[in-house]
PDB file of N, CA and C in Angstrom:
ATOM      1  N   MET A   1     361.632  66.146 208.256  1.00  0.00           N
ATOM      2  CA  MET A   1     361.017  67.609 207.979  1.00  0.00           C
ATOM      3  C   MET A   1     360.566  67.870 206.670  1.00  0.00           C
ATOM      4  N   ALA A   2     359.461  68.231 206.403  1.00  0.00           N
ATOM      5  CA  ALA A   2     359.166  68.768 205.223  1.00  0.00           C
ATOM      6  C   ALA A   2     359.880  70.036 204.603  1.00  0.00           C
ATOM      7  N   VAL A   3     359.908  70.015 203.385  1.00  0.00           N
ATOM      8  CA  VAL A   3     360.860  71.120 202.707  1.00  0.00           C
ATOM      9  C   VAL A   3     360.042  71.523 201.434  1.00  0.00           C
ATOM     10  N   ASP A   4     359.338  72.646 201.858  1.00  0.00           N
ATOM     11  CA  ASP A   4     358.605  73.307 200.947  1.00  0.00           C
ATOM     12  C   ASP A   4     358.879  75.002 200.996  1.00  0.00           C
ATOM     13  N   ASP A   5     359.427  75.598 199.769  1.00  0.00           N
ATOM     14  CA  ASP A   5     359.786  76.905 199.608  1.00  0.00           C
ATOM     15  C   ASP A   5     358.669  77.995 199.855  1.00  0.00           C
ATOM     16  N   THR A   6     357.569  77.561 199.488  1.00  0.00           N
ATOM     17  CA  THR A   6     356.384  78.428 199.439  1.00  0.00           C
ATOM     18  C   THR A   6     355.299  77.678 200.356  1.00  0.00           C
ATOM     19  N   ILE A   7     354.753  78.225 201.064  1.00  0.00           N
ATOM     20  CA  ILE A   7     353.438  77.719 202.064  1.00  0.00           C
ATOM     21  C   ILE A   7     352.409  78.687 201.728  1.00  0.00           C
ATOM     22  N   TYR A   8     351.260  78.350 202.296  1.00  0.00           N
ATOM     23  CA  TYR A   8     349.939  78.870 201.858  1.00  0.00           C
ATOM     24  C   TYR A   8     349.100  78.992 202.854  1.00  0.00           C
ATOM     25  N   LYS A   9     348.616  80.378 203.103  1.00  0.00           N
ATOM     26  CA  LYS A   9     347.597  80.686 204.229  1.00  0.00           C
ATOM     27  C   LYS A   9     346.195  80.975 203.636  1.00  0.00           C
ATOM     28  N   ILE A  10     345.092  80.350 203.776  1.00  0.00           N
ATOM     29  CA  ILE A  10     343.615  80.876 203.271  1.00  0.00           C
ATOM     30  C   ILE A  10     343.236  81.488 204.506  1.00  0.00           C
ATOM     31  N   CYS A  11     342.733  83.009 204.033  1.00  0.00           N
ATOM     32  CA  CYS A  11     341.952  83.811 205.069  1.00  0.00           C
ATOM     33  C   CYS A  11     341.058  84.597 204.276  1.00  0.00           C
ATOM     34  N   THR A  12     340.059  85.230 204.897  1.00  0.00           N
ATOM     35  CA  THR A  12     339.462  86.156 204.293  1.00  0.00           C
ATOM     36  C   THR A  12     339.935  87.486 203.931  1.00  0.00           C
ATOM     37  N   ALA A  13     339.540  88.019 202.542  1.00  0.00           N
ATOM     38  CA  ALA A  13     340.002  89.326 201.969  1.00  0.00           C
ATOM     39  C   ALA A  13     340.134  90.346 203.212  1.00  0.00           C
ATOM     40  N   GLY A  14     338.975  90.499 203.979  1.00  0.00           N
ATOM     41  CA  GLY A  14     339.118  91.569 204.963  1.00  0.00           C
ATOM     42  C   GLY A  14     340.312  91.306 205.888  1.00  0.00           C
ATOM     43  N   GLU A  15     340.492  90.160 206.455  1.00  0.00           N
ATOM     44  CA  GLU A  15     341.505  89.920 207.388  1.00  0.00           C
ATOM     45  C   GLU A  15     342.986  89.946 206.719  1.00  0.00           C
ATOM     46  N   TRP A  16     342.919  89.802 205.554  1.00  0.00           N
ATOM     47  CA  TRP A  16     344.243  90.241 204.839  1.00  0.00           C
ATOM     48  C   TRP A  16     344.275  91.728 204.650  1.00  0.00           C
ATOM     49  N   ARG A  17     343.567  92.438 204.337  1.00  0.00           N
ATOM     50  CA  ARG A  17     343.548  94.024 204.123  1.00  0.00           C
ATOM     51  C   ARG A  17     343.957  94.586 205.524  1.00  0.00           C
ATOM     52  N   ALA A  18     343.395  93.973 206.718  1.00  0.00           N
ATOM     53  CA  ALA A  18     343.801  94.513 208.050  1.00  0.00           C
ATOM     54  C   ALA A  18     345.294  94.178 208.122  1.00  0.00           C
ATOM     55  N   ALA A  19     345.633  92.913 207.706  1.00  0.00           N
ATOM     56  CA  ALA A  19     347.199  92.641 208.123  1.00  0.00           C
ATOM     57  C   ALA A  19     348.047  93.550 207.253  1.00  0.00           C
ATOM     58  N   GLU A  20     347.830  93.684 206.043  1.00  0.00           N
ATOM     59  CA  GLU A  20     348.552  94.833 205.235  1.00  0.00           C
ATOM     60  C   GLU A  20     348.699  96.186 205.715  1.00  0.00           C
ATOM     61  N   GLN A  21     347.446  96.585 206.454  1.00  0.00           N
ATOM     62  CA  GLN A  21     347.507  97.967 207.023  1.00  0.00           C
ATOM     63  C   GLN A  21     348.498  97.947 208.237  1.00  0.00           C
ATOM     64  N   ALA A  22     348.241  96.861 209.267  1.00  0.00           N
ATOM     65  CA  ALA A  22     349.143  96.554 210.391  1.00  0.00           C
ATOM     66  C   ALA A  22     350.525  96.275 210.062  1.00  0.00           C
ATOM     67  N   GLY A  23     350.720  95.785 208.823  1.00  0.00           N
ATOM     68  CA  GLY A  23     352.213  95.200 208.514  1.00  0.00           C
ATOM     69  C   GLY A  23     352.452  93.727 208.837  1.00  0.00           C
ATOM     70  N   SER A  24     351.292  93.141 209.742  1.00  0.00           N
ATOM     71  CA  SER A  24     351.443  91.644 210.212  1.00  0.00           C
ATOM     72  C   SER A  24     350.060  91.206 210.156  1.00  0.00           C
ATOM     73  N   PHE A  25     350.186  89.757 210.233  1.00  0.00           N
ATOM     74  CA  PHE A  25     348.967  89.032 210.406  1.00  0.00           C
ATOM     75  C   PHE A  25     348.961  88.051 211.641  1.00  0.00           C
ATOM     76  N   ALA A  26     348.306  88.592 212.728  1.00  0.00           N
ATOM     77  CA  ALA A  26     348.345  87.776 213.956  1.00  0.00           C
ATOM     78  C   ALA A  26     347.752  86.459 213.818  1.00  0.00           C
ATOM     79  N   GLY A  27     346.813  86.437 212.792  1.00  0.00           N
ATOM     80  CA  GLY A  27     346.085  84.947 212.753  1.00  0.00           C
ATOM     81  C   GLY A  27     344.513  85.156 212.703  1.00  0.00           C
ATOM     82  N   SER A  28     343.965  84.333 212.043  1.00  0.00           N
ATOM     83  CA  SER A  28     342.357  84.382 212.199  1.00  0.00           C
ATOM     84  C   SER A  28     341.759  83.774 213.585  1.00  0.00           C
ATOM     85  N   ALA A  29     340.605  83.757 213.658  1.00  0.00           N
ATOM     86  CA  ALA A  29     339.940  83.352 214.949  1.00  0.00           C
ATOM     87  C   ALA A  29     340.428  81.748 215.497  1.00  0.00           C
ATOM     88  N   VAL A  30     340.445  80.937 214.468  1.00  0.00           N
ATOM     89  CA  VAL A  30     341.040  79.540 214.665  1.00  0.00           C
ATOM     90  C   VAL A  30     342.344  79.556 215.046  1.00  0.00           C
ATOM     91  N   ASP A  31     343.032  80.444 214.195  1.00  0.00           N
ATOM     92  CA  ASP A  31     344.596  80.344 214.649  1.00  0.00           C
ATOM     93  C   ASP A  31     345.009  80.827 215.994  1.00  0.00           C
ATOM     94  N   LEU A  32     344.183  81.922 216.242  1.00  0.00           N
ATOM     95  CA  LEU A  32     344.227  82.296 217.813  1.00  0.00           C
ATOM     96  C   LEU A  32     343.919  81.408 218.766  1.00  0.00           C
ATOM     97  N   ARG A  33     342.947  80.709 218.617  1.00  0.00           N
ATOM     98  CA  ARG A  33     342.460  79.833 219.497  1.00  0.00           C
ATOM     99  C   ARG A  33     343.397  78.703 219.565  1.00  0.00           C
ATOM    100  N   ASP A  34     343.997  78.445 218.538  1.00  0.00           N
ATOM    101  CA  ASP A  34     344.889  77.191 218.522  1.00  0.00           C
ATOM    102  C   ASP A  34     346.381  77.685 219.012  1.00  0.00           C
ATOM    103  N   GLY A  35     346.858  78.785 218.970  1.00  0.00           N
ATOM    104  CA  GLY A  35     348.025  79.267 219.477  1.00  0.00           C
ATOM    105  C   GLY A  35     348.993  79.398 218.244  1.00  0.00           C
ATOM    106  N   TYR A  36     348.703  79.037 217.116  1.00  0.00           N
ATOM    107  CA  TYR A  36     349.578  79.369 216.052  1.00  0.00           C
ATOM    108  C   TYR A  36     348.702  79.447 214.754  1.00  0.00           C
ATOM    109  N   ILE A  37     349.478  79.892 213.816  1.00  0.00           N
ATOM    110  CA  ILE A  37     349.134  80.292 212.416  1.00  0.00           C
ATOM    111  C   ILE A  37     349.192  79.152 211.544  1.00  0.00           C
ATOM    112  N   HIS A  38     347.950  78.429 211.048  1.00  0.00           N
ATOM    113  CA  HIS A  38     347.745  77.471 210.082  1.00  0.00           C
ATOM    114  C   HIS A  38     348.144  77.769 208.859  1.00  0.00           C
ATOM    115  N   PHE A  39     348.960  76.869 208.317  1.00  0.00           N
ATOM    116  CA  PHE A  39     349.368  77.024 206.871  1.00  0.00           C
ATOM    117  C   PHE A  39     349.130  75.585 206.100  1.00  0.00           C
ATOM    118  N   SER A  40     349.324  75.657 204.891  1.00  0.00           N
ATOM    119  CA  SER A  40     349.274  74.657 204.214  1.00  0.00           C
ATOM    120  C   SER A  40     350.415  74.495 202.959  1.00  0.00           C
ATOM    121  N   THR A  41     350.747  73.378 202.468  1.00  0.00           N
ATOM    122  CA  THR A  41     351.549  73.307 201.540  1.00  0.00           C
ATOM    123  C   THR A  41     350.791  73.226 200.201  1.00  0.00           C
ATOM    124  N   ALA A  42     351.477  73.401 198.976  1.00  0.00           N
ATOM    125  CA  ALA A  42     350.850  73.573 197.738  1.00  0.00           C
ATOM    126  C   ALA A  42     349.886  72.170 197.565  1.00  0.00           C
ATOM    127  N   ALA A  43     350.482  70.812 197.845  1.00  0.00           N
ATOM    128  CA  ALA A  43     349.622  69.898 197.810  1.00  0.00           C
ATOM    129  C   ALA A  43     348.539  69.657 198.870  1.00  0.00           C
ATOM    130  N   GLN A  44     348.520  70.498 199.967  1.00  0.00           N
ATOM    131  CA  GLN A  44     347.641  70.400 200.833  1.00  0.00           C
ATOM    132  C   GLN A  44     346.381  71.623 200.986  1.00  0.00           C
ATOM    133  N   ALA A  45     346.740  72.616 200.157  1.00  0.00           N
ATOM    134  CA  ALA A  45     345.812  73.663 200.166  1.00  0.00           C
ATOM    135  C   ALA A  45     344.512  73.530 199.736  1.00  0.00           C
ATOM    136  N   ALA A  46     344.354  72.709 198.715  1.00  0.00           N
ATOM    137  CA  ALA A  46     342.861  72.463 198.203  1.00  0.00           C
ATOM    138  C   ALA A  46     341.795  71.670 199.265  1.00  0.00           C
ATOM    139  N   GLU A  47     342.857  70.655 199.758  1.00  0.00           N
ATOM    140  CA  GLU A  47     341.951  69.919 200.744  1.00  0.00           C
ATOM    141  C   GLU A  47     341.678  70.871 202.048  1.00  0.00           C
ATOM    142  N   THR A  48     342.623  71.698 202.336  1.00  0.00           N
ATOM    143  CA  THR A  48     342.214  72.512 203.364  1.00  0.00           C
ATOM    144  C   THR A  48     341.000  73.404 202.960  1.00  0.00           C
ATOM    145  N   ALA A  49     341.038  73.964 201.815  1.00  0.00           N
ATOM    146  CA  ALA A  49     339.878  74.729 201.431  1.00  0.00           C
ATOM    147  C   ALA A  49     338.656  74.209 201.675  1.00  0.00           C
ATOM    148  N   GLN A  50     338.586  72.682 201.228  1.00  0.00           N
ATOM    149  CA  GLN A  50     337.588  72.191 201.137  1.00  0.00           C
ATOM    150  C   GLN A  50     336.902  71.819 202.344  1.00  0.00           C
ATOM    151  N   LYS A  51     337.956  71.322 203.465  1.00  0.00           N
ATOM    152  CA  LYS A  51     337.596  70.909 204.743  1.00  0.00           C
ATOM    153  C   LYS A  51     337.063  72.172 205.723  1.00  0.00           C
ATOM    154  N   HIS A  52     338.014  73.174 205.495  1.00  0.00           N
ATOM    155  CA  HIS A  52     337.509  74.302 206.480  1.00  0.00           C
ATOM    156  C   HIS A  52     336.811  75.407 206.040  1.00  0.00           C
ATOM    157  N   PHE A  53     336.860  75.640 204.621  1.00  0.00           N
ATOM    158  CA  PHE A  53     336.338  76.863 204.081  1.00  0.00           C
ATOM    159  C   PHE A  53     335.364  76.676 202.929  1.00  0.00           C
ATOM    160  N   SER A  54     334.536  75.536 203.113  1.00  0.00           N
ATOM    161  CA  SER A  54     333.825  74.918 202.016  1.00  0.00           C
ATOM    162  C   SER A  54     332.623  75.984 201.587  1.00  0.00           C
ATOM    163  N   GLY A  55     332.564  76.453 200.544  1.00  0.00           N
ATOM    164  CA  GLY A  55     331.410  77.298 199.865  1.00  0.00           C
ATOM    165  C   GLY A  55     331.646  78.836 200.290  1.00  0.00           C
ATOM    166  N   GLN A  56     332.689  79.207 201.112  1.00  0.00           N
ATOM    167  CA  GLN A  56     332.965  80.454 201.611  1.00  0.00           C
ATOM    168  C   GLN A  56     333.654  81.446 200.516  1.00  0.00           C
ATOM    169  N   ARG A  57     332.771  82.531 200.684  1.00  0.00           N
ATOM    170  CA  ARG A  57     333.372  83.611 199.319  1.00  0.00           C
ATOM    171  C   ARG A  57     334.527  84.345 200.030  1.00  0.00           C
ATOM    172  N   ASP A  58     334.829  85.213 199.218  1.00  0.00           N
ATOM    173  CA  ASP A  58     335.852  86.316 199.668  1.00  0.00           C
ATOM    174  C   ASP A  58     336.983  85.843 200.436  1.00  0.00           C
ATOM    175  N   LEU A  59     337.456  84.866 199.728  1.00  0.00           N
ATOM    176  CA  LEU A  59     338.922  84.217 200.330  1.00  0.00           C
ATOM    177  C   LEU A  59     339.929  84.596 199.520  1.00  0.00           C
ATOM    178  N   VAL A  60     341.114  84.778 199.982  1.00  0.00           N
ATOM    179  CA  VAL A  60     342.451  84.800 199.432  1.00  0.00           C
ATOM    180  C   VAL A  60     343.161  83.889 199.815  1.00  0.00           C
ATOM    181  N   LEU A  61     344.268  83.356 198.854  1.00  0.00           N
ATOM    182  CA  LEU A  61     345.294  82.530 199.178  1.00  0.00           C
ATOM    183  C   LEU A  61     346.664  83.395 199.193  1.00  0.00           C
ATOM    184  N   VAL A  62     347.446  83.211 200.465  1.00  0.00           N
ATOM    185  CA  VAL A  62     348.358  84.096 200.597  1.00  0.00           C
ATOM    186  C   VAL A  62     349.700  83.275 200.660  1.00  0.00           C
ATOM    187  N   ALA A  63     350.548  83.495 199.604  1.00  0.00           N
ATOM    188  CA  ALA A  63     351.668  82.720 199.440  1.00  0.00           C
ATOM    189  C   ALA A  63     352.848  83.333 200.055  1.00  0.00           C
ATOM    190  N   VAL A  64     353.528  82.410 200.836  1.00  0.00           N
ATOM    191  CA  VAL A  64     354.691  82.833 202.061  1.00  0.00           C
ATOM    192  C   VAL A  64     356.050  82.168 201.708  1.00  0.00           C
ATOM    193  N   ASP A  65     357.004  82.898 201.725  1.00  0.00           N
ATOM    194  CA  ASP A  65     358.334  82.290 201.811  1.00  0.00           C
ATOM    195  C   ASP A  65     358.470  81.782 203.012  1.00  0.00           C
ATOM    196  N   ALA A  66     358.528  80.547 203.091  1.00  0.00           N
ATOM    197  CA  ALA A  66     358.726  79.423 204.490  1.00  0.00           C
ATOM    198  C   ALA A  66     359.948  80.014 205.010  1.00  0.00           C
ATOM    199  N   ALA A  67     361.079  80.106 204.363  1.00  0.00           N
ATOM    200  CA  ALA A  67     362.518  80.498 204.816  1.00  0.00           C
ATOM    201  C   ALA A  67     362.489  81.664 205.810  1.00  0.00           C
ATOM    202  N   ALA A  68     361.675  82.627 205.150  1.00  0.00           N
ATOM    203  CA  ALA A  68     361.497  84.015 205.941  1.00  0.00           C
ATOM    204  C   ALA A  68     361.009  84.007 207.352  1.00  0.00           C
ATOM    205  N   LEU A  69     360.193  82.687 207.532  1.00  0.00           N
ATOM    206  CA  LEU A  69     359.768  82.697 208.964  1.00  0.00           C
ATOM    207  C   LEU A  69     360.537  82.102 209.913  1.00  0.00           C
ATOM    208  N   GLY A  70     361.805  81.689 209.685  1.00  0.00           N
ATOM    209  CA  GLY A  70     362.771  81.330 210.526  1.00  0.00           C
ATOM    210  C   GLY A  70     362.345  80.333 211.638  1.00  0.00           C
ATOM    211  N   ALA A  71     362.816  80.229 212.857  1.00  0.00           N
ATOM    212  CA  ALA A  71     362.465  79.404 213.677  1.00  0.00           C
ATOM    213  C   ALA A  71     361.285  79.013 214.281  1.00  0.00           C
ATOM    214  N   ASN A  72     360.531  80.358 214.052  1.00  0.00           N
ATOM    215  CA  ASN A  72     359.064  80.048 214.545  1.00  0.00           C
ATOM    216  C   ASN A  72     358.072  79.265 213.731  1.00  0.00           C
ATOM    217  N   LEU A  73     358.490  78.764 212.383  1.00  0.00           N
ATOM    218  CA  LEU A  73     358.055  78.009 211.729  1.00  0.00           C
ATOM    219  C   LEU A  73     358.125  76.440 212.101  1.00  0.00           C
ATOM    220  N   LYS A  74     357.127  75.728 212.490  1.00  0.00           N
ATOM    221  CA  LYS A  74     357.386  74.393 212.913  1.00  0.00           C
ATOM    222  C   LYS A  74     356.488  73.430 211.906  1.00  0.00           C
ATOM    223  N   TRP A  75     357.076  72.363 211.749  1.00  0.00           N
ATOM    224  CA  TRP A  75     356.369  71.164 210.624  1.00  0.00           C
ATOM    225  C   TRP A  75     355.690  69.868 211.712  1.00  0.00           C
ATOM    226  N   GLU A  76     354.405  70.237 211.913  1.00  0.00           N
ATOM    227  CA  GLU A  76     353.895  69.174 213.104  1.00  0.00           C
ATOM    228  C   GLU A  76     352.723  68.327 212.271  1.00  0.00           C
ATOM    229  N   PRO A  77     352.616  67.213 212.835  1.00  0.00           N
ATOM    230  CA  PRO A  77     351.587  66.344 212.211  1.00  0.00           C
ATOM    231  C   PRO A  77     350.014  66.580 212.471  1.00  0.00           C
ATOM    232  N   SER A  78     349.306  66.653 211.554  1.00  0.00           N
ATOM    233  CA  SER A  78     348.135  66.980 211.510  1.00  0.00           C
ATOM    234  C   SER A  78     346.910  66.059 211.012  1.00  0.00           C
ATOM    235  N   ARG A  79     346.171  66.418 209.964  1.00  0.00           N
ATOM    236  CA  ARG A  79     345.284  65.520 209.198  1.00  0.00           C
ATOM    237  C   ARG A  79     346.137  64.362 208.734  1.00  0.00           C
ATOM    238  N   GLY A  80     345.584  63.022 209.242  1.00  0.00           N
ATOM    239  CA  GLY A  80     346.034  62.066 208.613  1.00  0.00           C
ATOM    240  C   GLY A  80     347.719  61.742 208.787  1.00  0.00           C
ATOM    241  N   GLY A  81     348.138  62.484 209.858  1.00  0.00           N
ATOM    242  CA  GLY A  81     349.537  62.359 210.292  1.00  0.00           C
ATOM    243  C   GLY A  81     350.367  63.042 209.271  1.00  0.00           C
ATOM    244  N   ALA A  82     350.026  63.850 208.470  1.00  0.00           N
ATOM    245  CA  ALA A  82     350.644  64.710 207.455  1.00  0.00           C
ATOM    246  C   ALA A  82     351.394  65.924 208.226  1.00  0.00           C
ATOM    247  N   LEU A  83     352.623  66.217 207.668  1.00  0.00           N
ATOM    248  CA  LEU A  83     353.231  67.353 208.377  1.00  0.00           C
ATOM    249  C   LEU A  83     352.652  68.593 207.751  1.00  0.00           C
ATOM    250  N   PHE A  84     352.266  69.489 208.743  1.00  0.00           N
ATOM    251  CA  PHE A  84     351.739  70.732 208.239  1.00  0.00           C
ATOM    252  C   PHE A  84     352.568  71.921 208.691  1.00  0.00           C
ATOM    253  N   PRO A  85     352.738  72.888 208.086  1.00  0.00           N
ATOM    254  CA  PRO A  85     353.460  74.182 208.512  1.00  0.00           C
ATOM    255  C   PRO A  85     352.655  74.942 209.526  1.00  0.00           C
ATOM    256  N   HIS A  86     353.016  75.346 210.734  1.00  0.00           N
ATOM    257  CA  HIS A  86     352.545  76.174 211.665  1.00  0.00           C
ATOM    258  C   HIS A  86     353.532  77.250 212.225  1.00  0.00           C
ATOM    259  N   LEU A  87     352.930  78.417 212.380  1.00  0.00           N
ATOM    260  CA  LEU A  87     353.616  79.727 212.702  1.00  0.00           C
ATOM    261  C   LEU A  87     353.470  80.092 214.007  1.00  0.00           C
ATOM    262  N   TYR A  88     354.317  79.918 214.980  1.00  0.00           N
ATOM    263  CA  TYR A  88     353.945  80.373 216.218  1.00  0.00           C
ATOM    264  C   TYR A  88     354.660  81.940 216.304  1.00  0.00           C
ATOM    265  N   GLY A  89     353.914  82.752 215.839  1.00  0.00           N
ATOM    266  CA  GLY A  89     354.142  84.076 216.176  1.00  0.00           C
ATOM    267  C   GLY A  89     353.456  84.718 214.883  1.00  0.00           C
ATOM    268  N   ALA A  90     353.499  86.008 214.638  1.00  0.00           N
ATOM    269  CA  ALA A  90     352.762  86.858 213.867  1.00  0.00           C
ATOM    270  C   ALA A  90     353.372  86.542 212.260  1.00  0.00           C
ATOM    271  N   LEU A  91     352.773  86.744 211.100  1.00  0.00           N
ATOM    272  CA  LEU A  91     353.215  86.522 210.026  1.00  0.00           C
ATOM    273  C   LEU A  91     353.540  88.099 209.556  1.00  0.00           C
ATOM    274  N   ALA A  92     354.712  88.350 209.171  1.00  0.00           N
ATOM    275  CA  ALA A  92     355.154  89.615 208.701  1.00  0.00           C
ATOM    276  C   ALA A  92     354.643  89.822 207.300  1.00  0.00           C
ATOM    277  N   VAL A  93     353.923  90.734 206.825  1.00  0.00           N
ATOM    278  CA  VAL A  93     353.555  91.112 205.446  1.00  0.00           C
ATOM    279  C   VAL A  93     354.721  90.995 204.670  1.00  0.00           C
ATOM    280  N   LYS A  94     355.944  91.496 205.031  1.00  0.00           N
ATOM    281  CA  LYS A  94     357.041  91.294 203.978  1.00  0.00           C
ATOM    282  C   LYS A  94     357.594  90.089 203.742  1.00  0.00           C
ATOM    283  N   ALA A  95     357.043  88.883 204.153  1.00  0.00           N
ATOM    284  CA  ALA A  95     357.533  87.506 203.975  1.00  0.00           C
ATOM    285  C   ALA A  95     356.663  87.001 203.033  1.00  0.00           C
ATOM    286  N   VAL A  96     355.538  87.645 202.564  1.00  0.00           N
ATOM    287  CA  VAL A  96     354.564  87.384 201.339  1.00  0.00           C
ATOM    288  C   VAL A  96     354.915  87.675 200.128  1.00  0.00           C
ATOM    289  N   GLY A  97     354.878  86.632 199.488  1.00  0.00           N
ATOM    290  CA  GLY A  97     355.152  86.450 198.010  1.00  0.00           C
ATOM    291  C   GLY A  97     353.995  87.357 197.032  1.00  0.00           C
ATOM    292  N   SER A  98     352.632  86.618 197.328  1.00  0.00           N
ATOM    293  CA  SER A  98     351.748  87.113 196.433  1.00  0.00           C
ATOM    294  C   SER A  98     350.376  86.868 197.374  1.00  0.00           C
ATOM    295  N   VAL A  99     349.345  87.432 196.893  1.00  0.00           N
ATOM    296  CA  VAL A  99     348.098  87.214 197.410  1.00  0.00           C
ATOM    297  C   VAL A  99     346.955  87.114 196.255  1.00  0.00           C
ATOM    298  N   ALA A 100     346.185  85.697 196.194  1.00  0.00           N
ATOM    299  CA  ALA A 100     345.417  85.669 194.907  1.00  0.00           C
ATOM    300  C   ALA A 100     343.996  85.288 195.635  1.00  0.00           C
ATOM    301  N   PRO A 101     343.019  85.889 194.884  1.00  0.00           N
ATOM    302  CA  PRO A 101     341.731  85.606 195.152  1.00  0.00           C
ATOM    303  C   PRO A 101     341.411  84.025 194.959  1.00  0.00           C
ATOM    304  N   LEU A 102     340.535  83.510 195.945  1.00  0.00           N
ATOM    305  CA  LEU A 102     339.946  82.076 195.715  1.00  0.00           C
ATOM    306  C   LEU A 102     338.543  82.097 195.460  1.00  0.00           C
ATOM    307  N   PRO A 103     338.264  82.608 194.018  1.00  0.00           N
ATOM    308  CA  PRO A 103     336.723  82.330 193.683  1.00  0.00           C
ATOM    309  C   PRO A 103     336.368  80.925 193.836  1.00  0.00           C
ATOM    310  N   LEU A 104     334.856  80.953 193.817  1.00  0.00           N
ATOM    311  CA  LEU A 104     334.271  79.831 193.730  1.00  0.00           C
ATOM    312  C   LEU A 104     333.944  79.297 192.268  1.00  0.00           C
ATOM    313  N   ASP A 105     333.836  77.971 191.850  1.00  0.00           N
ATOM    314  CA  ASP A 105     333.412  77.563 190.425  1.00  0.00           C
ATOM    315  C   ASP A 105     331.766  77.360 190.534  1.00  0.00           C
ATOM    316  N   ALA A 106     331.244  76.978 189.518  1.00  0.00           N
ATOM    317  CA  ALA A 106     330.045  76.663 189.473  1.00  0.00           C
ATOM    318  C   ALA A 106     329.566  75.498 190.448  1.00  0.00           C
ATOM    319  N   GLU A 107     330.311  74.640 190.956  1.00  0.00           N
ATOM    320  CA  GLU A 107     329.779  73.766 191.863  1.00  0.00           C
ATOM    321  C   GLU A 107     330.232  74.085 193.310  1.00  0.00           C
ATOM    322  N   GLY A 108     330.646  75.280 193.327  1.00  0.00           N
ATOM    323  CA  GLY A 108     331.090  75.817 194.872  1.00  0.00           C
ATOM    324  C   GLY A 108     332.420  75.612 195.443  1.00  0.00           C
ATOM    325  N   ARG A 109     333.225  74.817 194.466  1.00  0.00           N
ATOM    326  CA  ARG A 109     334.601  74.782 194.989  1.00  0.00           C
ATOM    327  C   ARG A 109     335.532  75.911 194.582  1.00  0.00           C
ATOM    328  N   HIS A 110     336.424  76.152 195.456  1.00  0.00           N
ATOM    329  CA  HIS A 110     337.638  76.988 195.204  1.00  0.00           C
ATOM    330  C   HIS A 110     338.344  76.855 194.121  1.00  0.00           C
ATOM    331  N   VAL A 111     338.725  77.961 193.178  1.00  0.00           N
ATOM    332  CA  VAL A 111     339.492  77.911 192.153  1.00  0.00           C
ATOM    333  C   VAL A 111     340.949  78.339 192.679  1.00  0.00           C
ATOM    334  N   PHE A 112     341.958  77.401 192.493  1.00  0.00           N
ATOM    335  CA  PHE A 112     343.233  77.809 192.985  1.00  0.00           C
ATOM    336  C   PHE A 112     344.094  78.165 191.688  1.00  0.00           C
ATOM    337  N   PRO A 113     344.962  79.515 191.921  1.00  0.00           N
ATOM    338  CA  PRO A 113     345.830  79.703 190.816  1.00  0.00           C
ATOM    339  C   PRO A 113     346.830  78.406 190.952  1.00  0.00           C
ATOM    340  N   ALA A 114     347.782  78.629 189.764  1.00  0.00           N
ATOM    341  CA  ALA A 114     348.847  77.256 189.807  1.00  0.00           C
ATOM    342  C   ALA A 114     349.861  77.766 191.034  1.00  0.00           C
ATOM    343  N   LEU A 115     349.957  76.511 191.807  1.00  0.00           N
ATOM    344  CA  LEU A 115     350.704  76.625 193.065  1.00  0.00           C
ATOM    345  C   LEU A 115     352.453  75.836 192.664  1.00  0.00           C
ATOM    346  N   LYS A 116     353.272  76.496 193.541  1.00  0.00           N
ATOM    347  CA  LYS A 116     354.619  75.925 193.513  1.00  0.00           C
ATOM    348  C   LYS A 116     354.671  74.808 194.167  1.00  0.00           C
TER     349      LYS A 116
END
């Protein structure tokens, strides 16, 4: 089992604003389709952005306390067999440590803050 204290969700700023108003995040369209909320570890986040959000503007990086998610958080194999965190249930806003914008650089790649 992977052990990461902080996991990350990439979503649009609008999706996150709606989650803050509602007090929880049910997931993006892809999450709802798959039946769980997709997260990445610090080591996986940049590749996730490149693969699934290439060139997309108005994104945020939501840092979440993995321990606060309890038994609904499962570590499951995905890309290349690596374990990824998947949340089966809504993400409570109170489990979020920070939210940072993910701007694009001159080459169209997302610029990440320092990750734990």
